[in-house]
Protein backbone atom coordinates (compact mmCIF):
# COMPACT_ATOMS: atom_id res chain seq x y z
CA MET A 1 -11.65 -111.79 -78.82
CA LYS A 2 -9.87 -108.68 -78.91
CA VAL A 3 -9.78 -106.83 -75.68
CA PHE A 4 -9.05 -102.33 -75.97
CA ARG A 5 -8.30 -100.98 -73.06
CA LEU A 6 -9.12 -98.24 -73.25
CA PRO A 7 -7.94 -96.58 -69.57
CA ALA A 8 -4.22 -97.32 -71.36
CA VAL A 9 -4.44 -95.32 -74.42
CA LEU A 10 -6.01 -93.09 -72.60
CA ALA A 11 -2.91 -92.68 -69.98
CA GLY A 12 -0.97 -92.99 -72.22
CA VAL A 13 -2.40 -89.66 -74.31
CA CYS A 14 -2.14 -87.56 -71.30
CA LEU A 15 1.79 -89.02 -69.98
CA PHE A 16 2.76 -87.31 -73.83
CA ILE A 17 0.26 -84.39 -73.63
CA LEU A 18 1.82 -83.58 -69.69
CA SER A 19 4.85 -84.41 -70.73
CA SER A 20 5.06 -81.79 -73.32
CA VAL A 21 3.29 -78.38 -71.30
CA CYS A 22 4.11 -79.72 -67.28
CA PRO A 23 6.36 -77.63 -65.63
CA VAL A 24 9.12 -78.84 -63.93
CA TYR A 25 8.92 -77.93 -60.14
CA PRO A 26 13.73 -77.31 -59.46
CA GLY A 27 14.09 -78.99 -55.61
CA GLN A 28 10.88 -81.08 -55.39
CA PRO A 29 11.75 -84.41 -54.48
CA PRO A 30 10.72 -87.50 -56.74
CA ILE A 31 7.70 -88.82 -56.46
CA THR A 32 7.42 -91.75 -54.63
CA VAL A 33 5.37 -95.02 -55.47
CA GLN A 34 4.71 -94.68 -51.54
CA GLU A 35 3.70 -91.60 -51.60
CA ILE A 36 1.09 -91.99 -54.62
CA VAL A 37 -0.07 -94.96 -52.94
CA LEU A 38 -0.71 -93.08 -49.59
CA LEU A 39 -2.54 -90.56 -51.64
CA GLU A 40 -5.27 -92.91 -53.49
CA GLN A 41 -6.31 -94.64 -50.32
CA THR A 42 -6.11 -90.48 -48.94
CA TRP A 43 -9.01 -90.29 -51.43
CA ALA A 44 -10.60 -93.54 -51.15
CA ASP A 45 -11.17 -92.53 -47.70
CA ALA A 46 -12.77 -88.80 -47.55
CA VAL A 47 -15.43 -90.15 -50.58
CA PHE A 48 -16.03 -92.88 -47.82
CA ARG A 49 -15.40 -90.38 -44.88
CA ALA A 50 -17.79 -87.61 -47.55
CA ASP A 51 -14.25 -85.32 -46.60
CA LEU A 52 -14.51 -82.63 -48.29
CA PRO A 53 -11.00 -79.94 -46.55
CA ALA A 54 -9.66 -83.73 -47.64
CA LEU A 55 -10.24 -84.04 -51.70
CA GLU A 56 -10.40 -79.91 -52.05
CA ARG A 57 -6.54 -80.84 -50.95
CA ILE A 58 -6.68 -84.13 -53.05
CA LEU A 59 -8.47 -82.82 -56.71
CA SER A 60 -7.50 -80.27 -58.74
CA ASP A 61 -9.40 -77.35 -59.14
CA ASN A 62 -9.86 -78.86 -63.15
CA ALA A 63 -9.66 -82.35 -61.89
CA THR A 64 -12.20 -84.23 -63.96
CA TYR A 65 -13.81 -87.28 -62.69
CA ILE A 66 -15.27 -89.84 -65.40
CA HIS A 67 -17.91 -92.25 -64.27
CA GLY A 68 -18.08 -96.18 -65.05
CA THR A 69 -21.50 -95.10 -66.38
CA GLY A 70 -19.68 -92.46 -68.03
CA ASN A 71 -20.93 -90.03 -65.97
CA LEU A 72 -18.46 -87.05 -66.69
CA GLU A 73 -17.93 -84.31 -63.40
CA THR A 74 -15.63 -81.87 -62.16
CA LYS A 75 -14.62 -81.09 -59.62
CA GLN A 76 -17.18 -79.18 -57.61
CA HIS A 77 -19.73 -80.82 -59.26
CA PHE A 78 -18.28 -84.32 -57.48
CA ILE A 79 -17.91 -82.50 -53.68
CA ASN A 80 -21.15 -80.38 -54.34
CA SER A 81 -22.97 -84.63 -54.27
CA LEU A 82 -21.12 -85.99 -51.89
CA ARG A 83 -22.07 -82.40 -49.59
CA SER A 84 -25.69 -82.58 -50.94
CA GLY A 85 -25.74 -85.63 -49.64
CA ASP A 86 -27.34 -86.82 -53.20
CA ARG A 87 -24.70 -89.69 -53.07
CA LYS A 88 -22.90 -91.30 -50.56
CA TYR A 89 -20.11 -94.10 -50.87
CA PHE A 90 -19.96 -97.20 -48.99
CA PRO A 91 -15.51 -98.15 -48.00
CA LEU A 92 -13.51 -98.19 -51.09
CA ILE A 93 -11.39 -101.32 -50.83
CA LEU A 94 -8.29 -100.54 -54.09
CA GLU A 95 -7.30 -103.72 -55.02
CA ASP A 96 -4.31 -104.59 -58.19
CA LEU A 97 -3.15 -101.13 -57.80
CA ASN A 98 -0.38 -100.64 -60.31
CA VAL A 99 1.93 -97.33 -59.88
CA ARG A 100 3.85 -95.70 -63.09
CA VAL A 101 5.64 -93.24 -61.85
CA PHE A 102 7.14 -90.41 -63.94
CA PRO A 103 9.24 -87.47 -63.39
CA GLU A 104 6.02 -85.32 -62.83
CA ALA A 105 2.93 -87.10 -63.11
CA ALA A 106 2.21 -90.78 -61.58
CA VAL A 107 -0.20 -92.13 -62.65
CA VAL A 108 -2.61 -95.35 -61.16
CA THR A 109 -5.08 -98.03 -61.81
CA GLY A 110 -6.73 -100.68 -59.84
CA ARG A 111 -9.69 -102.37 -58.91
CA TYR A 112 -12.51 -101.40 -56.69
CA ASN A 113 -15.65 -102.51 -55.09
CA LEU A 114 -18.19 -99.69 -55.54
CA ARG A 115 -21.39 -99.65 -53.32
CA LEU A 116 -22.73 -95.75 -53.14
CA LEU A 117 -26.46 -94.54 -51.88
CA SER A 118 -26.64 -92.76 -55.52
CA LYS A 119 -30.73 -90.47 -54.89
CA GLY A 120 -32.29 -93.20 -52.32
CA ARG A 121 -30.47 -95.58 -55.01
CA GLU A 122 -28.25 -98.24 -53.89
CA VAL A 123 -25.36 -99.02 -57.02
CA SER A 124 -23.16 -101.81 -56.88
CA ASN A 125 -20.78 -103.28 -59.56
CA VAL A 126 -16.57 -103.62 -59.87
CA ASN A 127 -14.97 -101.46 -60.85
CA ARG A 128 -11.52 -100.76 -62.64
CA TYR A 129 -10.65 -96.97 -62.69
CA THR A 130 -7.52 -95.21 -63.75
CA HIS A 131 -5.92 -92.56 -62.35
CA MET A 132 -3.87 -89.96 -63.19
CA TYR A 133 -1.66 -87.49 -60.02
CA VAL A 134 0.57 -84.42 -62.07
CA ARG A 135 2.60 -82.44 -59.48
CA THR A 136 1.65 -79.12 -58.96
CA PRO A 137 3.58 -75.77 -56.95
CA GLU A 138 1.41 -76.74 -53.99
CA GLY A 139 1.94 -80.76 -54.39
CA LEU A 140 0.66 -84.06 -56.25
CA ARG A 141 -2.76 -83.39 -57.43
CA LEU A 142 -5.74 -85.93 -58.95
CA VAL A 143 -6.15 -84.08 -62.86
CA ALA A 144 -8.38 -87.52 -63.78
CA HIS A 145 -10.27 -89.90 -62.86
CA GLN A 146 -11.52 -92.45 -65.20
CA ALA A 147 -13.53 -95.91 -64.30
CA THR A 148 -14.93 -98.25 -65.99
CA ASN A 149 -17.55 -100.90 -64.99
CA VAL A 150 -16.30 -104.26 -65.28
CA PRO A 151 -19.08 -106.58 -66.29
CA PRO A 152 -20.75 -109.51 -63.86
CA PRO A 153 -18.19 -113.33 -64.91
CA LYS A 154 -21.18 -115.10 -67.66
């Protein structure tokens, strides 16, 4: 059986594009794995607590959110769904983190058990995900979230 991993391919394509168009910000310290792991935990906590100011800081203004359902959201749509209470997340426990650091970007792959209330309906599953962070003049920002539902074992 052949396994196709779209998030890894997508991350590679994104990095190729970014490496040719992203400016370098001189004087900035190198991005570290520890810094990215801390950002990941801050993101997970902010989603659980619906900490909108933290999400405003973490997410790039042009961030895209692709959920395990395939739904695509902008930063504002995602934040508005938390603000309105339409979506309420339970704690996200991040596992199997793999952080790859580049001069002006970082790609994270990992897994989390997802449990949330969406418009009163409970959703529960396991997601594999990819995050892409890019250095901006304001610091590192999450520019892309891609989640893939992992089917239950047969």
